[in-house]
Amino acid sequence: MKTIILLSISNIFMTFAWYGHLKYKSSPLLLVIFVSWGIAFFEYCFQVPANRIGHGTFNAYQLKTIQEVITLVVFSVFSVFYLKEQLRWNYVIGFLFIILAVFFIFKKW
């Protein structure tokens, strides 16, 4: 559970570092890059420990899969509420296919 919480916090920082500047297109690109790097520092402060703590309970493939699902959830919320973009049905279907990948990665074969 600690891994998932840390990855969630990490992904919030990551989403703002990667996409938060889209609301500020008039800002100078160099400034945006440095601000994004500053935000990304905090992403790594949570992401690296999350993977360290989680590895052993989960393998690297499972950690990456968990991270991707968290990213989709965080990004969807961010996109709708921060960027004011619509979540369309085809995006949801695409995300469902990614969730289906979770089944195959975590299934004990």
Protein backbone atom coordinates (compact mmCIF):
# COMPACT_ATOMS: atom_id res chain seq x y z
CA MET A 1 0.00 0.00 0.00
CA LYS A 2 2.89 2.34 0.78
CA THR A 3 4.23 1.84 -2.74
CA ILE A 4 0.90 2.76 -4.31
CA ILE A 5 0.55 5.88 -2.17
CA LEU A 6 4.08 7.03 -3.01
CA LEU A 7 3.55 6.32 -6.71
CA SER A 8 0.30 8.28 -6.63
CA ILE A 9 1.99 11.32 -5.08
CA SER A 10 4.83 10.97 -7.56
CA ASN A 11 2.40 10.91 -10.46
CA ILE A 12 0.65 14.07 -9.30
CA PHE A 13 3.99 15.90 -9.41
CA MET A 14 4.87 14.25 -12.74
CA THR A 15 1.59 15.28 -14.34
CA PHE A 16 2.04 18.91 -13.31
CA ALA A 17 5.69 18.87 -14.45
CA TRP A 18 4.83 17.44 -17.85
CA TYR A 19 1.46 19.04 -18.59
CA GLY A 20 0.82 21.89 -16.14
CA HIS A 21 2.52 24.41 -18.39
CA LEU A 22 -0.07 23.86 -21.13
CA LYS A 23 -2.24 26.49 -19.42
CA TYR A 24 0.61 28.99 -19.69
CA LYS A 25 1.56 28.89 -23.36
CA SER A 26 2.64 32.54 -23.29
CA SER A 27 5.36 31.79 -20.71
CA PRO A 28 8.89 31.57 -22.10
CA LEU A 29 9.84 27.99 -22.95
CA LEU A 30 13.11 28.11 -21.02
CA LEU A 31 11.26 29.23 -17.87
CA VAL A 32 8.74 26.42 -18.33
CA ILE A 33 11.55 23.88 -18.68
CA PHE A 34 13.23 25.00 -15.45
CA VAL A 35 9.94 25.08 -13.51
CA SER A 36 9.11 21.60 -14.83
CA TRP A 37 12.53 20.33 -13.74
CA GLY A 38 11.92 21.76 -10.28
CA ILE A 39 8.57 19.99 -10.03
CA ALA A 40 10.07 16.78 -11.41
CA PHE A 41 12.60 16.77 -8.56
CA PHE A 42 9.74 16.17 -6.13
CA GLU A 43 8.35 13.49 -8.42
CA TYR A 44 11.61 11.57 -8.10
CA CYS A 45 11.65 12.07 -4.32
CA PHE A 46 8.51 9.91 -4.18
CA GLN A 47 8.96 7.65 -7.22
CA VAL A 48 12.41 6.28 -6.37
CA PRO A 49 11.48 5.24 -2.81
CA ALA A 50 8.18 3.80 -4.09
CA ASN A 51 10.01 1.50 -6.47
CA ARG A 52 12.65 0.60 -3.88
CA ILE A 53 10.00 -0.28 -1.29
CA GLY A 54 7.77 -2.07 -3.78
CA HIS A 55 10.41 -4.16 -5.51
CA GLY A 56 10.29 -7.55 -3.89
CA THR A 57 6.58 -7.41 -3.23
CA PHE A 58 6.16 -6.65 -6.94
CA ASN A 59 8.54 -7.34 -9.79
CA ALA A 60 9.69 -4.52 -12.06
CA TYR A 61 7.03 -5.30 -14.70
CA GLN A 62 4.30 -5.14 -12.08
CA LEU A 63 5.66 -1.88 -10.64
CA LYS A 64 5.64 -0.32 -14.09
CA THR A 65 2.10 -1.53 -14.71
CA ILE A 66 0.90 -0.09 -11.40
CA GLN A 67 2.59 3.19 -12.24
CA GLU A 68 0.92 3.36 -15.66
CA VAL A 69 -2.55 2.75 -14.23
CA ILE A 70 -1.99 5.41 -11.57
CA THR A 71 -0.75 7.76 -14.30
CA LEU A 72 -3.93 7.25 -16.32
CA VAL A 73 -6.15 7.95 -13.33
CA VAL A 74 -4.19 11.02 -12.22
CA PHE A 75 -3.93 12.33 -15.77
CA SER A 76 -7.64 11.86 -16.42
CA VAL A 77 -8.57 13.85 -13.30
CA PHE A 78 -5.94 16.49 -14.13
CA SER A 79 -7.07 16.78 -17.73
CA VAL A 80 -10.75 17.22 -16.85
CA PHE A 81 -10.39 19.54 -13.84
CA TYR A 82 -7.18 21.47 -14.55
CA LEU A 83 -7.01 21.62 -18.34
CA LYS A 84 -10.81 21.56 -18.72
CA GLU A 85 -10.63 18.89 -21.42
CA GLN A 86 -13.42 16.42 -22.03
CA LEU A 87 -12.98 12.73 -21.17
CA ARG A 88 -14.38 11.02 -24.25
CA TRP A 89 -15.77 7.53 -24.58
CA ASN A 90 -12.94 6.35 -26.85
CA TYR A 91 -10.36 7.42 -24.23
CA VAL A 92 -12.22 5.36 -21.62
CA ILE A 93 -12.28 2.33 -23.95
CA GLY A 94 -8.55 2.71 -24.57
CA PHE A 95 -7.92 2.91 -20.83
CA LEU A 96 -10.00 -0.22 -20.31
CA PHE A 97 -7.72 -2.10 -22.70
CA ILE A 98 -4.75 -0.95 -20.63
CA ILE A 99 -6.52 -2.16 -17.49
CA LEU A 100 -6.97 -5.50 -19.26
CA ALA A 101 -3.18 -5.60 -19.51
CA VAL A 102 -3.09 -5.44 -15.71
CA PHE A 103 -5.00 -8.71 -15.60
CA PHE A 104 -2.46 -10.45 -17.82
CA ILE A 105 0.55 -9.03 -15.99
CA PHE A 106 -0.69 -9.88 -12.48
CA LYS A 107 -2.34 -13.25 -13.29
CA LYS A 108 -0.44 -16.22 -11.92
CA TRP A 109 0.00 -18.46 -14.96
